[in-house]
Amino acid sequence: MGIDSKHVLSAPGNNSKRMSLDALMPQVYDELHRLAASYMSNERVGHTLQPTALVNEIYLQLLKQHSVDFNNRGQVVGVAAQMMRRVLRKHEETRRAAKRGGDATLICLSDAPEPAGQPAVEFGELDLALDRLAHLDERQAKVVELRIFGGLTVDETAEFLKVSVATVHRDWATGKIWLTSELRRV
């Protein structure tokens, strides 16, 4: 595991959350690292953001969460997915500002981590489209975000959002169709 949590300082009064998170991190670290590596695999050679650094940044941000109790793997991965999206967005914005365009981070809208023949989507385009979807249907956008960025299963997504599995299936199918249509226009 890349994180040595004994060397990470946590805020006072945060010991219970830290112990819970520390207990769950070994279970989800490899999964988070695979997700980060998948996102970074399409980056240019010599890219400054590495998968391990991204996961470590997410871990530090998870420690700062005050309103979330990490009771299971799905909660950690769900919150981490949301944070990963924000970190990637900020990184993309910073790079674009510096380069005025430049190389883009590519994401795939499939259930599979790296499907053959699936067209990749630029992270910035997907991020903006997810924001537009959130204005139309916030839950659908959350489902898509958790499935794409978190790699959560339908059952895990339903548990995380506290909705039925059927609702997640419906939101996932509709959200993917809407995003695909929206991204074709870009």
Protein backbone atom coordinates (compact mmCIF):
# COMPACT_ATOMS: atom_id res chain seq x y z
CA MET A 1 0.00 0.00 0.00
CA GLY A 2 1.36 3.47 -0.87
CA ILE A 3 0.01 5.35 2.16
CA ASP A 4 1.72 5.12 5.52
CA SER A 5 -1.13 6.40 7.66
CA LYS A 6 1.07 6.51 10.78
CA HIS A 7 2.85 9.49 9.27
CA VAL A 8 -0.30 11.40 8.32
CA LEU A 9 -1.43 14.00 10.82
CA SER A 10 -5.13 14.15 11.51
CA ALA A 11 -7.17 16.86 13.11
CA PRO A 12 -7.84 16.62 16.86
CA GLY A 13 -11.05 14.75 17.63
CA ASN A 14 -10.83 12.91 14.32
CA ASN A 15 -9.34 9.69 15.77
CA SER A 16 -12.51 7.57 15.42
CA LYS A 17 -12.93 8.52 11.75
CA ARG A 18 -9.24 7.96 11.12
CA MET A 19 -9.31 4.50 12.72
CA SER A 20 -12.34 3.58 10.62
CA LEU A 21 -10.75 4.95 7.45
CA ASP A 22 -7.42 3.28 8.26
CA ALA A 23 -9.23 -0.04 8.67
CA LEU A 24 -10.95 0.32 5.28
CA MET A 25 -8.07 1.77 3.22
CA PRO A 26 -6.20 -1.54 2.80
CA GLN A 27 -9.42 -2.98 1.34
CA VAL A 28 -9.90 -0.16 -1.19
CA TYR A 29 -6.39 1.16 -1.85
CA ASP A 30 -5.63 -1.16 -4.77
CA GLU A 31 -9.03 -0.41 -6.29
CA LEU A 32 -8.54 3.36 -5.94
CA HIS A 33 -5.03 3.05 -7.37
CA ARG A 34 -6.36 1.07 -10.37
CA LEU A 35 -9.01 3.74 -10.97
CA ALA A 36 -6.42 6.51 -10.76
CA ALA A 37 -4.04 4.60 -13.03
CA SER A 38 -6.84 4.08 -15.54
CA TYR A 39 -7.60 7.81 -15.59
CA MET A 40 -3.91 8.65 -15.91
CA SER A 41 -3.12 6.02 -18.58
CA ASN A 42 -4.17 8.36 -21.36
CA GLU A 43 -2.07 11.25 -20.09
CA ARG A 44 1.06 12.43 -21.85
CA VAL A 45 4.45 10.98 -20.92
CA GLY A 46 6.02 12.86 -18.01
CA HIS A 47 2.64 13.95 -16.64
CA THR A 48 3.02 15.59 -13.23
CA LEU A 49 0.04 13.88 -11.58
CA GLN A 50 0.74 10.21 -10.84
CA PRO A 51 -1.82 7.60 -9.66
CA THR A 52 -0.16 7.10 -6.28
CA ALA A 53 -0.05 10.85 -5.67
CA LEU A 54 -3.72 11.13 -6.63
CA VAL A 55 -4.73 8.34 -4.23
CA ASN A 56 -2.59 9.84 -1.45
CA GLU A 57 -4.23 13.24 -2.01
CA ILE A 58 -7.65 11.62 -1.82
CA TYR A 59 -6.70 9.85 1.43
CA LEU A 60 -5.67 13.16 3.00
CA GLN A 61 -8.94 14.73 1.87
CA LEU A 62 -10.92 11.79 3.25
CA LEU A 63 -9.35 12.40 6.65
CA LYS A 64 -10.68 15.95 6.59
CA GLN A 65 -14.30 14.88 6.01
CA HIS A 66 -16.50 15.84 8.94
CA SER A 67 -19.93 14.73 7.77
CA VAL A 68 -19.13 11.19 6.61
CA ASP A 69 -18.63 8.09 8.73
CA PHE A 70 -16.78 5.45 6.79
CA ASN A 71 -18.52 2.20 7.65
CA ASN A 72 -17.92 0.22 4.49
CA ARG A 73 -15.97 -0.01 1.28
CA GLY A 74 -18.71 1.54 -0.83
CA GLN A 75 -18.78 4.70 1.27
CA VAL A 76 -15.02 5.16 1.02
CA VAL A 77 -14.92 4.52 -2.73
CA GLY A 78 -18.01 6.66 -3.36
CA VAL A 79 -16.66 9.68 -1.53
CA ALA A 80 -13.18 9.09 -3.00
CA ALA A 81 -14.67 9.02 -6.52
CA GLN A 82 -16.28 12.40 -5.99
CA MET A 83 -13.01 13.79 -4.66
CA MET A 84 -11.01 12.25 -7.49
CA ARG A 85 -13.24 14.00 -9.98
CA ARG A 86 -12.66 17.33 -8.22
CA VAL A 87 -8.89 16.83 -8.11
CA LEU A 88 -8.79 15.86 -11.79
CA ARG A 89 -10.97 18.87 -12.64
CA LYS A 90 -8.65 21.24 -10.79
CA HIS A 91 -5.60 19.66 -12.38
CA GLU A 92 -7.18 19.94 -15.84
CA GLU A 93 -8.12 23.59 -15.25
CA THR A 94 -4.62 24.42 -14.04
CA ARG A 95 -3.01 22.69 -17.00
CA ARG A 96 -5.37 24.31 -19.50
CA ALA A 97 -4.69 27.71 -18.02
CA ALA A 98 -0.95 27.10 -18.31
CA LYS A 99 -1.01 25.50 -21.76
CA ARG A 100 -4.17 27.07 -23.27
CA GLY A 101 -5.47 23.70 -24.39
CA GLY A 102 -2.80 21.05 -24.40
CA ASP A 103 -3.26 17.35 -23.91
CA ALA A 104 -6.48 16.12 -22.36
CA THR A 105 -7.33 13.46 -19.80
CA LEU A 106 -9.52 10.81 -21.45
CA ILE A 107 -12.32 8.88 -19.72
CA CYS A 108 -14.52 6.05 -21.03
CA LEU A 109 -18.28 5.87 -20.44
CA SER A 110 -18.46 2.09 -20.25
CA ASP A 111 -18.90 -0.25 -17.29
CA ALA A 112 -15.61 -1.93 -18.17
CA PRO A 113 -12.41 -0.20 -17.03
CA GLU A 114 -10.82 -0.18 -20.50
CA PRO A 115 -13.27 -1.50 -23.09
CA ALA A 116 -12.08 -2.38 -26.56
CA GLY A 117 -13.48 -0.15 -29.24
CA GLN A 118 -15.18 2.31 -26.88
CA PRO A 119 -14.42 5.92 -27.75
CA ALA A 120 -12.67 7.83 -24.99
CA VAL A 121 -14.08 11.14 -23.80
CA GLU A 122 -11.99 14.10 -22.71
CA PHE A 123 -12.26 14.55 -18.95
CA GLY A 124 -13.08 18.26 -19.22
CA GLU A 125 -15.97 17.58 -21.60
CA LEU A 126 -17.36 14.82 -19.38
CA ASP A 127 -16.99 16.97 -16.28
CA LEU A 128 -18.94 19.85 -17.85
CA ALA A 129 -21.59 17.46 -19.17
CA LEU A 130 -21.97 15.95 -15.68
CA ASP A 131 -22.50 19.44 -14.28
CA ARG A 132 -25.23 20.05 -16.89
CA LEU A 133 -26.82 16.70 -16.05
CA ALA A 134 -26.75 17.59 -12.34
CA HIS A 135 -28.80 20.71 -13.13
CA LEU A 136 -31.40 18.48 -14.82
CA ASP A 137 -31.28 15.50 -12.46
CA GLU A 138 -28.85 15.56 -9.55
CA ARG A 139 -29.34 11.90 -8.60
CA GLN A 140 -28.69 10.72 -12.16
CA ALA A 141 -25.48 12.73 -12.21
CA LYS A 142 -24.41 11.19 -8.87
CA VAL A 143 -25.12 7.69 -10.17
CA VAL A 144 -23.04 8.32 -13.29
CA GLU A 145 -20.23 9.89 -11.24
CA LEU A 146 -20.10 6.98 -8.78
CA ARG A 147 -20.19 4.38 -11.55
CA ILE A 148 -17.59 6.06 -13.80
CA PHE A 149 -15.24 7.68 -11.31
CA GLY A 150 -15.80 5.34 -8.38
CA GLY A 151 -16.21 2.11 -10.25
CA LEU A 152 -19.01 1.22 -7.82
CA THR A 153 -21.36 -1.59 -8.73
CA VAL A 154 -25.08 -0.95 -9.06
CA ASP A 155 -25.65 -2.44 -5.60
CA GLU A 156 -22.90 -0.33 -4.02
CA THR A 157 -24.21 2.80 -5.73
CA ALA A 158 -27.73 2.08 -4.44
CA GLU A 159 -26.39 1.60 -0.92
CA PHE A 160 -24.28 4.75 -1.09
CA LEU A 161 -27.18 6.91 -2.35
CA LYS A 162 -29.76 5.09 -0.21
CA VAL A 163 -32.01 4.30 -3.18
CA SER A 164 -33.24 1.06 -4.73
CA VAL A 165 -31.17 -1.01 -7.16
CA ALA A 166 -33.92 -0.50 -9.77
CA THR A 167 -33.56 3.28 -9.39
CA VAL A 168 -29.81 3.05 -9.96
CA HIS A 169 -30.32 0.86 -13.04
CA ARG A 170 -32.80 3.39 -14.43
CA ASP A 171 -30.64 6.43 -13.59
CA TRP A 172 -27.49 4.77 -14.95
CA ALA A 173 -29.13 3.81 -18.25
CA THR A 174 -30.80 7.20 -18.71
CA GLY A 175 -27.72 9.13 -17.58
CA LYS A 176 -25.45 7.28 -20.03
CA ILE A 177 -27.86 7.91 -22.90
CA TRP A 178 -28.11 11.61 -22.03
CA LEU A 179 -24.33 11.97 -21.67
CA THR A 180 -23.62 10.12 -24.92
CA SER A 181 -26.03 12.40 -26.77
CA GLU A 182 -24.64 15.50 -25.07
CA LEU A 183 -21.01 14.57 -25.73
CA ARG A 184 -21.68 13.90 -29.43
CA ARG A 185 -22.56 17.58 -29.79
CA VAL A 186 -19.17 18.66 -28.46
